[in-house]
């Protein structure tokens, strides 16, 4: 756990202007959240192998530059049946092998 914490924090400090990040396999959601909040130029985010709760999807609004979100083999949500994704720039959303009840997407140009 300490190894992942240091690696994500180090990545955010070393590359504050990163536009593409792959955090697949990061087992601790608060580390993913740290990257989401600190990398303001993030345009593409890839995640997988964990649980992404409602707070993660609400935090996506903080990534104003995010255009692409790719989630693979993850559990989405905290048990609620609908998770709204409100994001003006998000154009590409890929959900592969994810477990979820229902997704609500509010964006005209999203490709799923």
Protein backbone atom coordinates (compact mmCIF):
# COMPACT_ATOMS: atom_id res chain seq x y z
CA UNK A 1 0.00 0.00 0.00
CA UNK A 2 2.80 2.41 0.86
CA UNK A 3 4.50 1.68 -2.48
CA UNK A 4 1.42 2.73 -4.49
CA UNK A 5 0.90 5.81 -2.31
CA UNK A 6 4.45 7.01 -2.89
CA UNK A 7 4.38 6.20 -6.62
CA UNK A 8 1.17 8.13 -7.34
CA UNK A 9 2.20 11.11 -5.20
CA UNK A 10 5.65 11.12 -6.83
CA UNK A 11 4.10 10.97 -10.32
CA UNK A 12 1.82 13.92 -9.56
CA UNK A 13 4.74 15.99 -8.28
CA UNK A 14 7.15 15.08 -11.08
CA UNK A 15 4.67 15.51 -13.91
CA UNK A 16 2.14 18.18 -12.85
CA UNK A 17 1.34 18.96 -16.50
CA UNK A 18 0.69 15.34 -17.51
CA UNK A 19 -2.08 15.00 -20.07
CA UNK A 20 -2.37 11.18 -20.14
CA UNK A 21 -2.22 8.91 -17.10
CA UNK A 22 -2.68 5.15 -16.74
CA UNK A 23 -3.46 4.10 -13.17
CA UNK A 24 -4.67 0.59 -13.99
CA UNK A 25 -4.10 -1.73 -11.09
CA UNK A 26 -3.98 1.00 -8.45
CA UNK A 27 -5.94 -0.72 -5.66
CA UNK A 28 -6.54 2.33 -3.49
CA UNK A 29 -9.18 4.77 -4.71
CA UNK A 30 -7.88 7.73 -2.69
CA UNK A 31 -4.68 7.58 -4.77
CA UNK A 32 -6.69 7.80 -7.97
CA UNK A 33 -8.61 10.72 -6.45
CA UNK A 34 -5.32 12.45 -5.58
CA UNK A 35 -4.24 12.23 -9.22
CA UNK A 36 -7.63 13.49 -10.43
CA UNK A 37 -7.46 16.54 -8.15
CA UNK A 38 -3.81 17.44 -8.69
CA UNK A 39 -3.32 16.90 -12.44
CA UNK A 40 -5.22 19.85 -13.88
CA UNK A 41 -4.19 19.28 -17.52
CA UNK A 42 -5.34 15.66 -17.58
CA UNK A 43 -6.98 14.84 -20.93
CA UNK A 44 -6.95 11.01 -20.85
CA UNK A 45 -7.28 8.75 -17.82
CA UNK A 46 -7.10 4.94 -17.82
CA UNK A 47 -8.16 2.97 -14.74
CA UNK A 48 -8.85 -0.63 -13.84
CA UNK A 49 -8.79 -3.42 -11.28
CA UNK A 50 -10.55 -1.71 -8.40
CA UNK A 51 -13.69 -0.01 -7.17
CA UNK A 52 -14.59 3.50 -8.27
CA UNK A 53 -17.17 4.95 -5.93
CA UNK A 54 -19.63 7.76 -6.44
CA UNK A 55 -17.09 10.31 -5.17
CA UNK A 56 -14.79 9.48 -8.08
CA UNK A 57 -17.45 10.26 -10.67
CA UNK A 58 -18.36 13.51 -8.91
CA UNK A 59 -14.64 14.44 -8.83
CA UNK A 60 -14.43 14.14 -12.61
CA UNK A 61 -15.92 17.63 -12.85
CA UNK A 62 -12.64 18.90 -11.34
CA UNK A 63 -10.77 17.58 -14.41
CA UNK A 64 -12.00 20.26 -16.74
CA UNK A 65 -9.64 19.17 -19.55
CA UNK A 66 -10.58 15.47 -19.43
CA UNK A 67 -11.67 14.21 -22.85
CA UNK A 68 -11.17 10.44 -22.52
CA UNK A 69 -11.91 8.01 -19.67
CA UNK A 70 -11.12 4.31 -20.06
CA UNK A 71 -12.16 1.99 -17.22
CA UNK A 72 -11.45 -1.74 -17.41
CA UNK A 73 -12.40 -4.56 -15.02
CA UNK A 74 -13.70 -2.36 -12.21
CA UNK A 75 -16.66 -2.11 -9.88
CA UNK A 76 -18.46 1.17 -10.47
CA UNK A 77 -20.36 2.93 -7.72
CA UNK A 78 -21.07 2.39 -4.06
CA UNK A 79 -24.28 0.45 -4.40
CA UNK A 80 -26.58 3.13 -5.77
CA UNK A 81 -28.26 2.20 -9.02
CA UNK A 82 -27.44 5.37 -10.92
CA UNK A 83 -24.24 7.41 -11.05
CA UNK A 84 -24.50 10.64 -13.03
CA UNK A 85 -21.44 11.69 -15.04
CA UNK A 86 -21.64 15.42 -15.69
CA UNK A 87 -18.73 16.64 -17.76
CA UNK A 88 -18.70 19.13 -20.63
CA UNK A 89 -15.50 17.99 -22.40
CA UNK A 90 -15.67 14.22 -21.95
CA UNK A 91 -16.03 12.80 -25.47
CA UNK A 92 -14.78 9.23 -25.14
CA UNK A 93 -15.97 6.90 -22.38
CA UNK A 94 -14.91 3.24 -22.46
CA UNK A 95 -16.26 0.84 -19.84
CA UNK A 96 -14.94 -2.70 -20.37
CA UNK A 97 -15.71 -5.68 -18.13
CA UNK A 98 -17.13 -3.40 -15.43
CA UNK A 99 -19.81 -4.28 -12.91
CA UNK A 100 -22.49 -1.65 -12.55
CA UNK A 101 -26.25 -1.47 -12.31
CA UNK A 102 -26.99 1.66 -14.32
CA UNK A 103 -25.04 4.63 -15.68
CA UNK A 104 -26.53 8.02 -16.46
CA UNK A 105 -24.46 10.10 -18.87
CA UNK A 106 -25.29 13.73 -19.55
CA UNK A 107 -23.27 14.77 -22.53
CA UNK A 108 -24.39 15.07 -26.14
CA UNK A 109 -21.13 14.05 -27.82
CA UNK A 110 -19.97 11.13 -25.68
CA UNK A 111 -18.93 7.98 -27.54
CA UNK A 112 -19.47 4.78 -25.57
